[in-house]
């Protein structure tokens, strides 16, 4: 009979404090960046220079494009 009574009264939102959504909490601070293990060093260019292949222009040659006929 209790079930019939609940259906007749309809649904209700619980009002007890245990059923309430807790108040908004303060967000924790953002994580801090870890210090670098090794100090930043500038790279020194090689003593003999960088390798430049003799046919470098042939590798990166631009292919001719076809133009549309008007």
N, C-alpha and C. Protein backbone atom coordinates (compact mmCIF):
# COMPACT_ATOMS: atom_id res chain seq x y z
N UNK A 1 0.81 -1.20 0.00
CA UNK A 1 0.00 0.00 0.00
C UNK A 1 0.85 1.27 0.00
N UNK A 2 2.05 1.18 0.48
CA UNK A 2 2.93 2.33 0.50
C UNK A 2 3.25 2.76 -0.93
N UNK A 3 3.39 1.80 -1.81
CA UNK A 3 3.70 2.09 -3.19
C UNK A 3 2.57 2.86 -3.85
N UNK A 4 1.34 2.49 -3.56
CA UNK A 4 0.19 3.19 -4.12
C UNK A 4 0.17 4.63 -3.63
N UNK A 5 0.53 4.85 -2.38
CA UNK A 5 0.54 6.18 -1.79
C UNK A 5 1.60 7.05 -2.49
N UNK A 6 2.79 6.48 -2.75
CA UNK A 6 3.86 7.22 -3.42
C UNK A 6 3.45 7.61 -4.83
N UNK A 7 2.78 6.74 -5.55
CA UNK A 7 2.37 7.02 -6.92
C UNK A 7 1.32 8.13 -6.93
N UNK A 8 0.42 8.11 -5.98
CA UNK A 8 -0.62 9.12 -5.94
C UNK A 8 -0.06 10.50 -5.61
N UNK A 9 0.97 10.57 -4.77
CA UNK A 9 1.54 11.86 -4.40
C UNK A 9 2.41 12.43 -5.52
N UNK A 10 2.94 11.59 -6.39
CA UNK A 10 3.80 12.05 -7.48
C UNK A 10 5.26 12.04 -7.07
N UNK A 11 6.11 12.38 -8.00
CA UNK A 11 7.55 12.39 -7.74
C UNK A 11 7.96 13.74 -7.15
N UNK A 12 8.93 13.71 -6.26
CA UNK A 12 9.43 14.93 -5.65
C UNK A 12 10.96 14.88 -5.61
N UNK A 13 11.54 16.05 -5.60
CA UNK A 13 12.99 16.15 -5.45
C UNK A 13 13.34 15.97 -3.99
N UNK A 14 14.35 15.16 -3.68
CA UNK A 14 14.74 14.98 -2.28
C UNK A 14 15.22 16.30 -1.68
N UNK A 15 14.86 16.58 -0.45
CA UNK A 15 15.20 17.85 0.20
C UNK A 15 16.25 17.68 1.29
N UNK A 16 16.63 16.43 1.64
CA UNK A 16 17.59 16.22 2.71
C UNK A 16 18.96 16.76 2.32
N UNK A 17 19.74 17.15 3.31
CA UNK A 17 21.08 17.70 3.03
C UNK A 17 22.00 16.62 2.45
N UNK A 18 21.77 15.37 2.77
CA UNK A 18 22.60 14.29 2.24
C UNK A 18 22.40 14.12 0.73
N UNK A 19 21.25 14.55 0.20
CA UNK A 19 20.94 14.39 -1.22
C UNK A 19 21.32 15.62 -2.05
N UNK A 20 21.74 16.69 -1.42
CA UNK A 20 22.05 17.92 -2.14
C UNK A 20 23.41 17.84 -2.82
N UNK A 21 23.56 18.60 -3.90
CA UNK A 21 24.84 18.70 -4.60
C UNK A 21 25.76 19.55 -3.73
N UNK A 22 26.99 19.11 -3.47
CA UNK A 22 27.88 19.89 -2.61
C UNK A 22 28.23 21.24 -3.24
N UNK A 23 28.55 22.19 -2.38
CA UNK A 23 28.92 23.53 -2.84
C UNK A 23 30.20 23.45 -3.67
N UNK A 24 30.36 24.39 -4.60
CA UNK A 24 31.53 24.40 -5.47
C UNK A 24 32.79 24.61 -4.65
N UNK A 25 33.81 23.84 -4.95
CA UNK A 25 35.08 23.95 -4.24
C UNK A 25 36.03 24.79 -5.08
N UNK A 26 37.05 25.31 -4.44
CA UNK A 26 38.06 26.09 -5.14
C UNK A 26 38.96 25.14 -5.91
N UNK A 27 39.26 25.47 -7.15
CA UNK A 27 40.11 24.62 -7.98
C UNK A 27 41.54 24.63 -7.44
N UNK A 28 42.24 23.53 -7.57
CA UNK A 28 43.64 23.51 -7.12
C UNK A 28 44.49 24.36 -8.06
N UNK A 29 45.65 24.83 -7.60
CA UNK A 29 46.49 25.65 -8.48
C UNK A 29 47.03 24.81 -9.65
N UNK A 30 47.39 25.51 -10.70
CA UNK A 30 47.93 24.84 -11.89
C UNK A 30 49.26 24.18 -11.53
N UNK A 31 49.58 23.06 -12.18
CA UNK A 31 50.87 22.42 -11.89
C UNK A 31 52.03 23.29 -12.34
N UNK A 32 53.11 23.24 -11.59
CA UNK A 32 54.27 24.05 -11.92
C UNK A 32 55.19 23.28 -12.84
N UNK A 33 55.83 24.00 -13.73
CA UNK A 33 56.77 23.38 -14.67
C UNK A 33 58.02 22.96 -13.91
N UNK A 34 58.48 21.75 -14.19
CA UNK A 34 59.68 21.24 -13.52
C UNK A 34 60.90 21.98 -14.07
N UNK A 35 61.88 22.22 -13.23
CA UNK A 35 63.09 22.90 -13.72
C UNK A 35 63.86 21.99 -14.69
N UNK A 36 64.53 22.62 -15.63
CA UNK A 36 65.31 21.88 -16.61
C UNK A 36 66.49 21.20 -15.94
N UNK A 37 66.75 19.97 -16.34
CA UNK A 37 67.87 19.22 -15.75
C UNK A 37 69.19 19.77 -16.29
N UNK A 38 69.24 20.01 -17.59
CA UNK A 38 70.46 20.51 -18.22
C UNK A 38 70.24 21.96 -18.64
N UNK A 39 71.24 22.81 -18.47
CA UNK A 39 71.08 24.20 -18.91
C UNK A 39 71.01 24.25 -20.44
N UNK A 40 70.28 25.22 -20.94
CA UNK A 40 70.13 25.37 -22.40
C UNK A 40 71.47 25.78 -23.00
N UNK A 41 71.86 25.07 -24.07
CA UNK A 41 73.12 25.38 -24.74
C UNK A 41 72.85 25.72 -26.20
N UNK A 42 73.59 26.66 -26.72
CA UNK A 42 73.48 26.98 -28.14
C UNK A 42 74.30 25.97 -28.92
N UNK A 43 73.77 25.55 -30.06
CA UNK A 43 74.51 24.60 -30.89
C UNK A 43 75.58 25.33 -31.68
N UNK A 44 76.73 24.75 -31.69
CA UNK A 44 77.85 25.30 -32.44
C UNK A 44 77.84 24.65 -33.82
N UNK A 45 77.93 25.45 -34.89
CA UNK A 45 77.93 24.84 -36.23
C UNK A 45 79.17 23.96 -36.42
N UNK A 46 79.07 22.95 -37.28
CA UNK A 46 80.22 22.07 -37.49
C UNK A 46 81.42 22.83 -38.06
N UNK A 47 82.62 22.37 -37.69
CA UNK A 47 83.84 23.07 -38.12
C UNK A 47 84.03 23.00 -39.63
N UNK A 48 83.66 21.88 -40.24
CA UNK A 48 83.83 21.71 -41.69
C UNK A 48 82.61 22.19 -42.47
N UNK A 49 81.62 22.71 -41.81
CA UNK A 49 80.42 23.19 -42.50
C UNK A 49 79.40 22.07 -42.65
N UNK A 50 78.22 22.43 -43.12
CA UNK A 50 77.15 21.46 -43.32
C UNK A 50 77.32 20.76 -44.67
N UNK A 51 76.85 19.53 -44.76
CA UNK A 51 76.93 18.76 -46.00
C UNK A 51 75.93 19.30 -47.01
N UNK A 52 76.41 19.60 -48.21
CA UNK A 52 75.54 20.07 -49.29
C UNK A 52 75.78 19.16 -50.48
N UNK A 53 74.79 18.33 -50.82
CA UNK A 53 74.98 17.44 -51.98
C UNK A 53 75.06 18.26 -53.27
N UNK A 54 75.83 17.78 -54.24
CA UNK A 54 76.03 18.55 -55.47
C UNK A 54 74.75 18.68 -56.31
N UNK A 55 73.82 17.74 -56.23
CA UNK A 55 72.62 17.80 -57.05
C UNK A 55 71.38 18.19 -56.22
N UNK A 56 71.56 19.07 -55.28
CA UNK A 56 70.46 19.46 -54.40
C UNK A 56 69.34 20.14 -55.19
N UNK A 57 69.67 20.95 -56.17
CA UNK A 57 68.65 21.64 -56.96
C UNK A 57 67.79 20.65 -57.76
N UNK A 58 68.38 19.53 -58.19
CA UNK A 58 67.63 18.54 -58.95
C UNK A 58 66.57 17.85 -58.08
N UNK A 59 66.87 17.69 -56.82
CA UNK A 59 65.93 17.02 -55.92
C UNK A 59 64.70 17.88 -55.68
N UNK A 60 64.92 19.18 -55.50
CA UNK A 60 63.82 20.07 -55.16
C UNK A 60 63.31 20.89 -56.34
N UNK A 61 63.52 20.39 -57.54
CA UNK A 61 63.07 21.10 -58.72
C UNK A 61 61.54 21.10 -58.76
N UNK A 62 60.96 22.23 -59.12
CA UNK A 62 59.51 22.35 -59.19
C UNK A 62 59.04 21.81 -60.54
N UNK A 63 58.05 20.91 -60.48
CA UNK A 63 57.51 20.33 -61.72
C UNK A 63 56.68 21.39 -62.43
N UNK A 64 56.74 21.40 -63.78
CA UNK A 64 55.93 22.39 -64.52
C UNK A 64 54.43 22.12 -64.31
N UNK A 65 53.67 23.19 -64.22
CA UNK A 65 52.22 23.05 -64.01
C UNK A 65 51.50 23.22 -65.34
N UNK A 66 50.42 22.50 -65.47
CA UNK A 66 49.60 22.62 -66.69
C UNK A 66 48.57 23.72 -66.48
N UNK A 67 48.46 24.58 -67.44
CA UNK A 67 47.48 25.65 -67.35
C UNK A 67 46.21 25.23 -68.07
N UNK A 68 45.09 25.62 -67.53
CA UNK A 68 43.81 25.29 -68.16
C UNK A 68 43.63 26.12 -69.42
N UNK A 69 43.06 25.48 -70.44
CA UNK A 69 42.80 26.19 -71.69
C UNK A 69 41.57 27.06 -71.52
N UNK A 70 41.64 28.28 -72.02
CA UNK A 70 40.50 29.21 -71.88
C UNK A 70 39.52 29.05 -73.00
